[in-house]
Amino acid sequence: MSEENEGLKDWMREWFEQFLGRFDRLDKFMDIMSGRHNVLNGERLLDNQDLCQLLNVSKRTLQRYRSAGELTYITIHHKIFYTEKNVEKFIRDHFAKGDNDSETELEPEPSD
């Protein structure tokens, strides 16, 4: 039974770390959104650098999301921008479910 408790304790620790990681990502998002920002028709715009930092991904990963049609973007003077609304939708659709490789949903291991 001690092993079972240790397994549960490990699972809870990992789950809690993931939970805190999501708060860290929200904190980064809030920093980006409260700082300097571009605006189009009253809506905030994020550029590639902002979104790379927010999602903790590379520019190439953003390109893959755009090419696959998963991330909506606009181009202004040959520069790519993402609207705040579209970024929030993308995060809800792709990261809230644990689809991110760095944040997978954990399930307790079955006990014997």
N, C-alpha and C. Protein backbone atom coordinates (compact mmCIF):
# COMPACT_ATOMS: atom_id res chain seq x y z
N MET A 1 0.82 -1.18 0.00
CA MET A 1 0.00 0.00 0.00
C MET A 1 0.87 1.25 0.00
N SER A 2 2.08 1.15 0.54
CA SER A 2 3.00 2.28 0.57
C SER A 2 3.39 2.70 -0.85
N GLU A 3 3.64 1.71 -1.74
CA GLU A 3 3.96 2.01 -3.13
C GLU A 3 2.81 2.72 -3.80
N GLU A 4 1.60 2.30 -3.49
CA GLU A 4 0.41 2.92 -4.06
C GLU A 4 0.32 4.39 -3.64
N ASN A 5 0.59 4.65 -2.35
CA ASN A 5 0.58 6.02 -1.86
C ASN A 5 1.67 6.86 -2.53
N GLU A 6 2.84 6.27 -2.70
CA GLU A 6 3.94 6.99 -3.37
C GLU A 6 3.57 7.30 -4.81
N GLY A 7 2.95 6.33 -5.49
CA GLY A 7 2.52 6.56 -6.87
C GLY A 7 1.50 7.67 -6.97
N LEU A 8 0.56 7.68 -6.06
CA LEU A 8 -0.45 8.73 -6.03
C LEU A 8 0.19 10.08 -5.72
N LYS A 9 1.13 10.07 -4.79
CA LYS A 9 1.82 11.30 -4.41
C LYS A 9 2.60 11.85 -5.61
N ASP A 10 3.29 10.97 -6.35
CA ASP A 10 4.03 11.40 -7.53
C ASP A 10 3.10 11.95 -8.60
N TRP A 11 1.98 11.25 -8.82
CA TRP A 11 1.01 11.71 -9.81
C TRP A 11 0.47 13.09 -9.43
N MET A 12 0.13 13.28 -8.16
CA MET A 12 -0.40 14.56 -7.71
C MET A 12 0.65 15.66 -7.84
N ARG A 13 1.90 15.36 -7.55
CA ARG A 13 2.98 16.35 -7.68
C ARG A 13 3.12 16.78 -9.14
N GLU A 14 3.14 15.81 -10.06
CA GLU A 14 3.26 16.13 -11.48
C GLU A 14 2.06 16.94 -11.96
N TRP A 15 0.87 16.54 -11.54
CA TRP A 15 -0.34 17.26 -11.93
C TRP A 15 -0.27 18.70 -11.42
N PHE A 16 0.13 18.89 -10.18
CA PHE A 16 0.22 20.22 -9.59
C PHE A 16 1.25 21.08 -10.32
N GLU A 17 2.38 20.49 -10.70
CA GLU A 17 3.39 21.24 -11.46
C GLU A 17 2.84 21.69 -12.80
N GLN A 18 2.06 20.83 -13.46
CA GLN A 18 1.44 21.21 -14.72
C GLN A 18 0.44 22.34 -14.49
N PHE A 19 -0.32 22.23 -13.44
CA PHE A 19 -1.31 23.25 -13.08
C PHE A 19 -0.61 24.60 -12.88
N LEU A 20 0.48 24.61 -12.14
CA LEU A 20 1.23 25.84 -11.92
C LEU A 20 1.85 26.35 -13.23
N GLY A 21 2.26 25.43 -14.09
CA GLY A 21 2.81 25.82 -15.38
C GLY A 21 1.80 26.58 -16.21
N ARG A 22 0.55 26.18 -16.11
CA ARG A 22 -0.49 26.91 -16.84
C ARG A 22 -0.66 28.32 -16.29
N PHE A 23 -0.54 28.47 -14.99
CA PHE A 23 -0.60 29.81 -14.41
C PHE A 23 0.59 30.65 -14.85
N ASP A 24 1.75 30.03 -14.94
CA ASP A 24 2.92 30.76 -15.43
C ASP A 24 2.69 31.24 -16.85
N ARG A 25 2.10 30.39 -17.68
CA ARG A 25 1.82 30.78 -19.07
C ARG A 25 0.80 31.92 -19.10
N LEU A 26 -0.21 31.86 -18.24
CA LEU A 26 -1.19 32.95 -18.17
C LEU A 26 -0.51 34.24 -17.70
N ASP A 27 0.42 34.12 -16.77
CA ASP A 27 1.14 35.29 -16.29
C ASP A 27 1.94 35.93 -17.42
N LYS A 28 2.61 35.10 -18.23
CA LYS A 28 3.34 35.62 -19.39
C LYS A 28 2.38 36.32 -20.34
N PHE A 29 1.23 35.68 -20.58
CA PHE A 29 0.23 36.24 -21.47
C PHE A 29 -0.23 37.61 -20.97
N MET A 30 -0.47 37.71 -19.67
CA MET A 30 -0.91 38.98 -19.09
C MET A 30 0.18 40.04 -19.24
N ASP A 31 1.44 39.66 -19.04
CA ASP A 31 2.54 40.61 -19.22
C ASP A 31 2.58 41.12 -20.65
N ILE A 32 2.44 40.22 -21.60
CA ILE A 32 2.48 40.62 -23.01
C ILE A 32 1.32 41.55 -23.32
N MET A 33 0.15 41.18 -22.83
CA MET A 33 -1.04 41.96 -23.16
C MET A 33 -1.07 43.32 -22.45
N SER A 34 -0.45 43.44 -21.30
CA SER A 34 -0.48 44.71 -20.57
C SER A 34 0.63 45.66 -21.00
N GLY A 35 1.64 45.14 -21.65
CA GLY A 35 2.77 45.96 -22.09
C GLY A 35 2.48 46.65 -23.40
N ARG A 36 3.55 46.95 -24.10
CA ARG A 36 3.40 47.60 -25.40
C ARG A 36 2.64 46.67 -26.33
N HIS A 37 1.81 47.26 -27.15
CA HIS A 37 1.05 46.43 -28.06
C HIS A 37 0.58 47.23 -29.26
N ASN A 38 0.39 46.51 -30.34
CA ASN A 38 -0.18 47.09 -31.55
C ASN A 38 -1.68 46.86 -31.50
N VAL A 39 -2.41 47.77 -32.11
CA VAL A 39 -3.87 47.67 -32.08
C VAL A 39 -4.39 47.86 -33.50
N LEU A 40 -5.38 47.06 -33.87
CA LEU A 40 -6.07 47.21 -35.14
C LEU A 40 -7.56 47.17 -34.87
N ASN A 41 -8.26 48.23 -35.20
CA ASN A 41 -9.70 48.33 -34.95
C ASN A 41 -10.04 48.04 -33.49
N GLY A 42 -9.22 48.52 -32.59
CA GLY A 42 -9.47 48.35 -31.17
C GLY A 42 -9.07 47.00 -30.60
N GLU A 43 -8.56 46.12 -31.43
CA GLU A 43 -8.15 44.79 -30.95
C GLU A 43 -6.63 44.69 -30.93
N ARG A 44 -6.10 44.16 -29.85
CA ARG A 44 -4.66 44.01 -29.70
C ARG A 44 -4.11 42.99 -30.68
N LEU A 45 -2.91 43.27 -31.16
CA LEU A 45 -2.22 42.37 -32.09
C LEU A 45 -0.93 41.89 -31.45
N LEU A 46 -0.62 40.63 -31.65
CA LEU A 46 0.65 40.06 -31.21
C LEU A 46 1.45 39.71 -32.45
N ASP A 47 2.76 39.90 -32.39
CA ASP A 47 3.60 39.50 -33.51
C ASP A 47 4.20 38.12 -33.22
N ASN A 48 5.04 37.63 -34.12
CA ASN A 48 5.63 36.29 -33.95
C ASN A 48 6.41 36.18 -32.64
N GLN A 49 7.19 37.21 -32.32
CA GLN A 49 8.01 37.15 -31.10
C GLN A 49 7.11 37.05 -29.86
N ASP A 50 6.06 37.87 -29.83
CA ASP A 50 5.13 37.82 -28.69
C ASP A 50 4.54 36.42 -28.54
N LEU A 51 4.08 35.87 -29.65
CA LEU A 51 3.41 34.57 -29.59
C LEU A 51 4.38 33.43 -29.30
N CYS A 52 5.60 33.52 -29.82
CA CYS A 52 6.61 32.52 -29.50
C CYS A 52 6.88 32.49 -28.00
N GLN A 53 6.99 33.66 -27.39
CA GLN A 53 7.23 33.74 -25.95
C GLN A 53 6.02 33.24 -25.18
N LEU A 54 4.85 33.62 -25.61
CA LEU A 54 3.63 33.23 -24.91
C LEU A 54 3.44 31.72 -24.91
N LEU A 55 3.61 31.10 -26.08
CA LEU A 55 3.37 29.66 -26.21
C LEU A 55 4.61 28.82 -25.95
N ASN A 56 5.75 29.49 -25.83
CA ASN A 56 7.01 28.79 -25.63
C ASN A 56 7.28 27.82 -26.79
N VAL A 57 7.14 28.35 -28.01
CA VAL A 57 7.39 27.57 -29.21
C VAL A 57 8.31 28.37 -30.13
N SER A 58 8.82 27.71 -31.16
CA SER A 58 9.70 28.38 -32.13
C SER A 58 8.87 29.06 -33.22
N LYS A 59 9.55 29.90 -33.99
CA LYS A 59 8.88 30.55 -35.13
C LYS A 59 8.44 29.50 -36.15
N ARG A 60 9.23 28.46 -36.30
CA ARG A 60 8.88 27.38 -37.23
C ARG A 60 7.59 26.68 -36.80
N THR A 61 7.42 26.50 -35.50
CA THR A 61 6.18 25.88 -35.01
C THR A 61 4.99 26.77 -35.33
N LEU A 62 5.14 28.07 -35.16
CA LEU A 62 4.06 28.99 -35.53
C LEU A 62 3.75 28.86 -37.02
N GLN A 63 4.80 28.73 -37.84
CA GLN A 63 4.61 28.56 -39.28
C GLN A 63 3.80 27.30 -39.57
N ARG A 64 4.10 26.23 -38.85
CA ARG A 64 3.35 24.98 -39.05
C ARG A 64 1.87 25.17 -38.69
N TYR A 65 1.62 25.85 -37.57
CA TYR A 65 0.24 26.12 -37.16
C TYR A 65 -0.49 26.95 -38.22
N ARG A 66 0.20 27.96 -38.77
CA ARG A 66 -0.42 28.80 -39.81
C ARG A 66 -0.68 27.99 -41.07
N SER A 67 0.33 27.21 -41.49
CA SER A 67 0.20 26.42 -42.73
C SER A 67 -0.93 25.39 -42.63
N ALA A 68 -1.11 24.86 -41.44
CA ALA A 68 -2.17 23.85 -41.24
C ALA A 68 -3.54 24.50 -41.06
N GLY A 69 -3.57 25.84 -41.02
CA GLY A 69 -4.84 26.54 -40.84
C GLY A 69 -5.33 26.52 -39.40
N GLU A 70 -4.47 26.15 -38.47
CA GLU A 70 -4.88 26.07 -37.07
C GLU A 70 -4.78 27.40 -36.36
N LEU A 71 -3.96 28.31 -36.90
CA LEU A 71 -3.74 29.61 -36.26
C LEU A 71 -4.01 30.71 -37.28
N THR A 72 -5.03 31.48 -37.02
CA THR A 72 -5.42 32.55 -37.93
C THR A 72 -4.50 33.75 -37.74
N TYR A 73 -4.11 34.38 -38.83
CA TYR A 73 -3.20 35.51 -38.77
C TYR A 73 -3.57 36.54 -39.82
N ILE A 74 -3.00 37.72 -39.67
CA ILE A 74 -3.13 38.77 -40.68
C ILE A 74 -1.75 39.28 -41.00
N THR A 75 -1.59 39.84 -42.20
CA THR A 75 -0.31 40.41 -42.62
C THR A 75 -0.48 41.90 -42.85
N ILE A 76 0.38 42.68 -42.22
CA ILE A 76 0.37 44.13 -42.39
C ILE A 76 1.79 44.53 -42.76
N HIS A 77 1.96 45.12 -43.94
CA HIS A 77 3.28 45.54 -44.43
C HIS A 77 4.29 44.40 -44.32
N HIS A 78 3.91 43.24 -44.80
CA HIS A 78 4.78 42.05 -44.84
C HIS A 78 5.16 41.52 -43.47
N LYS A 79 4.42 41.91 -42.45
CA LYS A 79 4.67 41.40 -41.10
C LYS A 79 3.43 40.67 -40.61
N ILE A 80 3.64 39.52 -39.96
CA ILE A 80 2.53 38.68 -39.50
C ILE A 80 2.11 39.10 -38.10
N PHE A 81 0.79 39.21 -37.92
CA PHE A 81 0.21 39.53 -36.62
C PHE A 81 -0.92 38.56 -36.32
N TYR A 82 -1.20 38.40 -35.03
CA TYR A 82 -2.26 37.53 -34.55
C TYR A 82 -3.17 38.37 -33.66
N THR A 83 -4.47 38.30 -33.86
CA THR A 83 -5.37 39.07 -33.00
C THR A 83 -5.50 38.37 -31.65
N GLU A 84 -5.73 39.17 -30.65
CA GLU A 84 -5.88 38.64 -29.29
C GLU A 84 -6.99 37.59 -29.24
N LYS A 85 -8.09 37.87 -29.90
CA LYS A 85 -9.22 36.94 -29.92
C LYS A 85 -8.84 35.60 -30.54
N ASN A 86 -8.12 35.63 -31.66
CA ASN A 86 -7.72 34.39 -32.32
C ASN A 86 -6.69 33.61 -31.51
N VAL A 87 -5.81 34.32 -30.82
CA VAL A 87 -4.81 33.66 -29.97
C VAL A 87 -5.51 32.97 -28.80
N GLU A 88 -6.45 33.65 -28.18
CA GLU A 88 -7.18 33.03 -27.06
C GLU A 88 -7.92 31.78 -27.52
N LYS A 89 -8.55 31.85 -28.70
CA LYS A 89 -9.26 30.68 -29.24
C LYS A 89 -8.28 29.54 -29.51
N PHE A 90 -7.13 29.87 -30.11
CA PHE A 90 -6.12 28.86 -30.39
C PHE A 90 -5.65 28.19 -29.11
N ILE A 91 -5.40 28.97 -28.07
CA ILE A 91 -4.95 28.41 -26.79
C ILE A 91 -6.03 27.51 -26.20
N ARG A 92 -7.26 27.95 -26.22
CA ARG A 92 -8.36 27.12 -25.70
C ARG A 92 -8.46 25.81 -26.47
N ASP A 93 -8.39 25.90 -27.79
CA ASP A 93 -8.56 24.71 -28.64
C ASP A 93 -7.39 23.73 -28.57
N HIS A 94 -6.18 24.23 -28.41
CA HIS A 94 -5.00 23.37 -28.52
C HIS A 94 -4.26 23.08 -27.23
N PHE A 95 -4.32 23.98 -26.28
CA PHE A 95 -3.54 23.79 -25.07
C PHE A 95 -4.38 23.44 -23.86
N ALA A 96 -5.61 23.85 -23.82
CA ALA A 96 -6.46 23.57 -22.66
C ALA A 96 -6.74 22.07 -22.53
N LYS A 97 -6.69 21.35 -23.65
CA LYS A 97 -6.98 19.91 -23.63
C LYS A 97 -5.75 19.08 -23.30
N GLY A 98 -4.60 19.71 -23.14
CA GLY A 98 -3.38 18.96 -22.85
C GLY A 98 -2.75 18.40 -24.11
N ASP A 99 -3.07 19.00 -25.29
CA ASP A 99 -2.50 18.51 -26.54
C ASP A 99 -1.04 18.90 -26.70
N ASN A 100 -0.57 19.84 -25.90
CA ASN A 100 0.82 20.28 -25.98
C ASN A 100 1.72 19.15 -25.47
N ASP A 101 2.80 18.88 -26.21
CA ASP A 101 3.71 17.80 -25.82
C ASP A 101 4.30 18.03 -24.44
N SER A 102 4.51 19.27 -24.05
CA SER A 102 5.12 19.54 -22.76
C SER A 102 4.12 19.49 -21.62
N GLU A 103 2.84 19.42 -21.95
CA GLU A 103 1.82 19.37 -20.91
C GLU A 103 0.77 18.33 -21.27
N THR A 104 1.03 17.11 -20.95
CA THR A 104 0.06 16.07 -21.22
C THR A 104 -0.75 15.83 -19.96
N GLU A 105 -2.00 15.49 -20.16
CA GLU A 105 -2.86 15.20 -19.02
C GLU A 105 -2.39 13.90 -18.38
N LEU A 106 -2.30 13.90 -17.10
CA LEU A 106 -1.85 12.71 -16.39
C LEU A 106 -3.05 11.95 -15.84
N GLU A 107 -2.98 10.65 -15.92
CA GLU A 107 -3.99 9.80 -15.34
C GLU A 107 -3.31 8.91 -14.33
N PRO A 108 -3.97 8.66 -13.21
CA PRO A 108 -3.34 7.79 -12.21
C PRO A 108 -3.15 6.40 -12.79
N GLU A 109 -2.04 5.79 -12.39
CA GLU A 109 -1.78 4.43 -12.84
C GLU A 109 -2.72 3.47 -12.10
N PRO A 110 -3.22 2.47 -12.80
CA PRO A 110 -4.11 1.53 -12.13
C PRO A 110 -3.37 0.77 -11.01
N SER A 111 -4.07 0.57 -9.93
CA SER A 111 -3.44 -0.14 -8.81
C SER A 111 -3.72 -1.63 -8.94
N ASP A 112 -2.80 -2.42 -8.46
CA ASP A 112 -2.94 -3.88 -8.55
C ASP A 112 -3.65 -4.43 -7.35
